[in-house]
Amino acid sequence: ESEGDEDGISEEDAEALFQISDLNAEDDEEGLDVKEFIVLCTVGFILADSEETANFAEGSLLAKDKNFRNAMMDILKAYLIFDRSAKGYIEEADLAKMLTNDFDDGGATQLLLTDERWKELDVDGSGRVDFQEFVYAFSQWCSLEDDDDEEDE
């Protein structure tokens, strides 16, 4: 176990969380943007929730916040809808097949998977969408909906 603050996360673990959350590491921008911070929170939440002894989550206000916990679980459940076999990634062909086979809407649902939408999901262009990329795109789509709501007011 790495040394760190006895009431929190070690520096080494914090750096590892930062690295897996920094999806735009190639940019000159330092730090995480809001969507990357949401990725960090989600990954940290899942890791903390999977370890009963995760000190860094036990005393935090977020760990006790029911709305935060529900939001993190909703994101995880949404991801697992698409990564049914828990491979750790989603491929475009699998997603297209699922959208075609699972919805009896005459193919209308498959129209949601445009090239543009896939590029938003596949941040690194690898042809696979991992959990971090999914959360990043998910948070972007949610913030766009919030922006649209504000414009309507």
Protein backbone atom coordinates (compact mmCIF):
# COMPACT_ATOMS: atom_id res chain seq x y z
CA GLU A 1 0.00 0.00 0.00
CA SER A 2 1.37 3.41 -0.90
CA GLU A 3 1.93 6.05 1.74
CA GLY A 4 -0.35 9.01 1.84
CA ASP A 5 -2.61 11.03 4.01
CA GLU A 6 -4.12 8.64 6.54
CA ASP A 7 -7.48 10.36 6.11
CA GLY A 8 -7.36 10.55 2.35
CA ILE A 9 -5.91 9.29 -0.87
CA SER A 10 -2.18 8.88 -1.40
CA GLU A 11 -0.35 11.18 -3.79
CA GLU A 12 0.46 8.18 -6.00
CA ASP A 13 -3.20 7.10 -6.19
CA ALA A 14 -4.34 10.68 -6.83
CA GLU A 15 -1.87 10.97 -9.72
CA ALA A 16 -3.08 7.64 -11.17
CA LEU A 17 -6.72 8.82 -10.99
CA PHE A 18 -5.74 12.10 -12.62
CA GLN A 19 -3.92 10.31 -15.47
CA ILE A 20 -6.85 8.04 -16.34
CA SER A 21 -9.23 10.99 -16.19
CA ASP A 22 -7.15 13.39 -18.31
CA LEU A 23 -8.58 12.37 -21.68
CA ASN A 24 -7.18 15.45 -23.44
CA ALA A 25 -3.61 15.00 -22.16
CA GLU A 26 -2.19 15.94 -25.58
CA ASP A 27 -3.70 19.43 -25.35
CA ASP A 28 -1.57 22.22 -23.94
CA GLU A 29 -4.23 22.77 -21.31
CA GLU A 30 -3.11 22.02 -17.75
CA GLY A 31 -5.46 20.26 -15.38
CA LEU A 32 -8.85 18.70 -15.95
CA ASP A 33 -11.82 20.33 -17.62
CA VAL A 34 -15.29 19.91 -16.11
CA LYS A 35 -16.09 16.75 -18.10
CA GLU A 36 -12.76 15.19 -17.14
CA PHE A 37 -13.43 16.08 -13.50
CA ILE A 38 -16.74 14.19 -13.76
CA VAL A 39 -14.76 11.21 -15.10
CA LEU A 40 -12.41 11.50 -12.12
CA CYS A 41 -15.35 11.60 -9.68
CA THR A 42 -17.03 8.63 -11.32
CA VAL A 43 -13.90 6.46 -11.45
CA GLY A 44 -13.01 7.44 -7.87
CA PHE A 45 -16.53 6.64 -6.74
CA ILE A 46 -16.46 3.20 -8.34
CA LEU A 47 -13.04 2.39 -6.93
CA ALA A 48 -14.01 3.59 -3.46
CA ASP A 49 -17.32 1.76 -3.59
CA SER A 50 -15.56 -1.48 -4.55
CA GLU A 51 -13.20 -1.35 -1.57
CA GLU A 52 -14.73 -1.39 1.87
CA THR A 53 -11.58 0.18 3.29
CA ALA A 54 -11.32 3.12 0.92
CA ASN A 55 -10.45 5.87 3.41
CA PHE A 56 -10.68 8.72 0.95
CA ALA A 57 -14.41 8.24 0.46
CA GLU A 58 -15.55 7.30 3.94
CA GLY A 59 -15.60 10.71 5.53
CA SER A 60 -16.34 12.82 2.52
CA LEU A 61 -19.56 14.71 2.04
CA LEU A 62 -19.88 13.28 -1.48
CA ALA A 63 -19.80 9.72 -0.14
CA LYS A 64 -22.78 10.57 2.05
CA ASP A 65 -24.65 12.58 -0.60
CA LYS A 66 -27.53 10.46 -1.90
CA ASN A 67 -27.91 12.54 -5.09
CA PHE A 68 -24.21 12.17 -5.92
CA ARG A 69 -24.31 8.44 -5.26
CA ASN A 70 -27.44 8.04 -7.41
CA ALA A 71 -25.88 10.04 -10.25
CA MET A 72 -22.73 7.89 -10.18
CA MET A 73 -24.80 4.70 -10.17
CA ASP A 74 -26.90 5.99 -13.10
CA ILE A 75 -23.74 6.62 -15.12
CA LEU A 76 -22.42 3.15 -14.31
CA LYS A 77 -25.76 1.49 -15.19
CA ALA A 78 -25.92 3.42 -18.47
CA TYR A 79 -22.45 2.18 -19.41
CA LEU A 80 -23.28 -1.41 -18.52
CA ILE A 81 -26.34 -1.30 -20.80
CA PHE A 82 -23.86 -1.12 -23.68
CA ASP A 83 -20.99 -3.17 -22.23
CA ARG A 84 -23.13 -6.15 -21.34
CA SER A 85 -20.28 -8.65 -21.28
CA ALA A 86 -18.18 -6.30 -19.09
CA LYS A 87 -15.24 -6.36 -21.51
CA GLY A 88 -14.23 -2.89 -20.38
CA TYR A 89 -14.99 -1.29 -23.72
CA ILE A 90 -17.74 -0.88 -26.32
CA GLU A 91 -17.11 -1.36 -30.04
CA GLU A 92 -19.09 0.48 -32.70
CA ALA A 93 -20.26 -2.74 -34.39
CA ASP A 94 -21.55 -4.15 -31.08
CA LEU A 95 -23.35 -0.91 -30.30
CA ALA A 96 -24.93 -0.79 -33.76
CA LYS A 97 -26.02 -4.43 -33.46
CA MET A 98 -27.55 -3.81 -30.05
CA LEU A 99 -29.41 -0.73 -31.26
CA THR A 100 -30.76 -2.72 -34.21
CA ASN A 101 -31.74 -5.86 -32.32
CA ASP A 102 -32.94 -4.56 -28.96
CA PHE A 103 -35.39 -1.90 -30.04
CA ASP A 104 -38.51 -2.64 -32.04
CA ASP A 105 -38.79 0.78 -33.63
CA GLY A 106 -38.17 0.01 -37.27
CA GLY A 107 -34.51 1.02 -37.05
CA ALA A 108 -35.14 4.54 -35.74
CA THR A 109 -32.90 3.97 -32.70
CA GLN A 110 -29.98 3.01 -34.91
CA LEU A 111 -30.17 6.46 -36.48
CA LEU A 112 -28.90 7.81 -33.15
CA LEU A 113 -25.49 6.27 -33.81
CA THR A 114 -24.17 8.77 -36.33
CA ASP A 115 -20.47 9.08 -37.20
CA GLU A 116 -20.41 12.34 -35.28
CA ARG A 117 -21.94 10.73 -32.18
CA TRP A 118 -19.43 7.83 -32.35
CA LYS A 119 -16.53 10.31 -32.59
CA GLU A 120 -17.85 12.05 -29.48
CA LEU A 121 -17.80 8.70 -27.69
CA ASP A 122 -14.46 7.45 -29.03
CA VAL A 123 -12.35 10.33 -27.72
CA ASP A 124 -8.98 8.71 -28.49
CA GLY A 125 -10.04 7.33 -31.90
CA SER A 126 -9.12 3.75 -30.95
CA GLY A 127 -12.34 2.22 -32.29
CA ARG A 128 -13.33 1.30 -28.75
CA VAL A 129 -15.08 3.31 -26.05
CA ASP A 130 -13.87 2.62 -22.54
CA PHE A 131 -15.64 3.70 -19.38
CA GLN A 132 -13.76 6.98 -19.06
CA GLU A 133 -14.61 7.99 -22.64
CA PHE A 134 -18.26 7.03 -22.08
CA VAL A 135 -18.49 9.18 -18.96
CA TYR A 136 -16.76 12.06 -20.75
CA ALA A 137 -19.23 11.97 -23.67
CA PHE A 138 -22.19 11.36 -21.35
CA SER A 139 -21.34 14.46 -19.31
CA GLN A 140 -20.92 16.50 -22.50
CA TRP A 141 -24.34 15.44 -23.76
CA CYS A 142 -25.96 16.23 -20.40
CA SER A 143 -24.34 19.67 -20.27
CA LEU A 144 -25.53 20.40 -23.82
CA GLU A 145 -29.08 19.59 -22.76
CA ASP A 146 -28.69 21.93 -19.77
CA ASP A 147 -27.40 24.68 -22.11
CA ASP A 148 -30.43 24.18 -24.36
CA ASP A 149 -32.78 24.44 -21.36
CA GLU A 150 -31.17 27.71 -20.28
CA GLU A 151 -31.54 29.17 -23.80
CA ASP A 152 -35.26 28.32 -23.78
CA GLU A 153 -35.83 30.38 -20.63
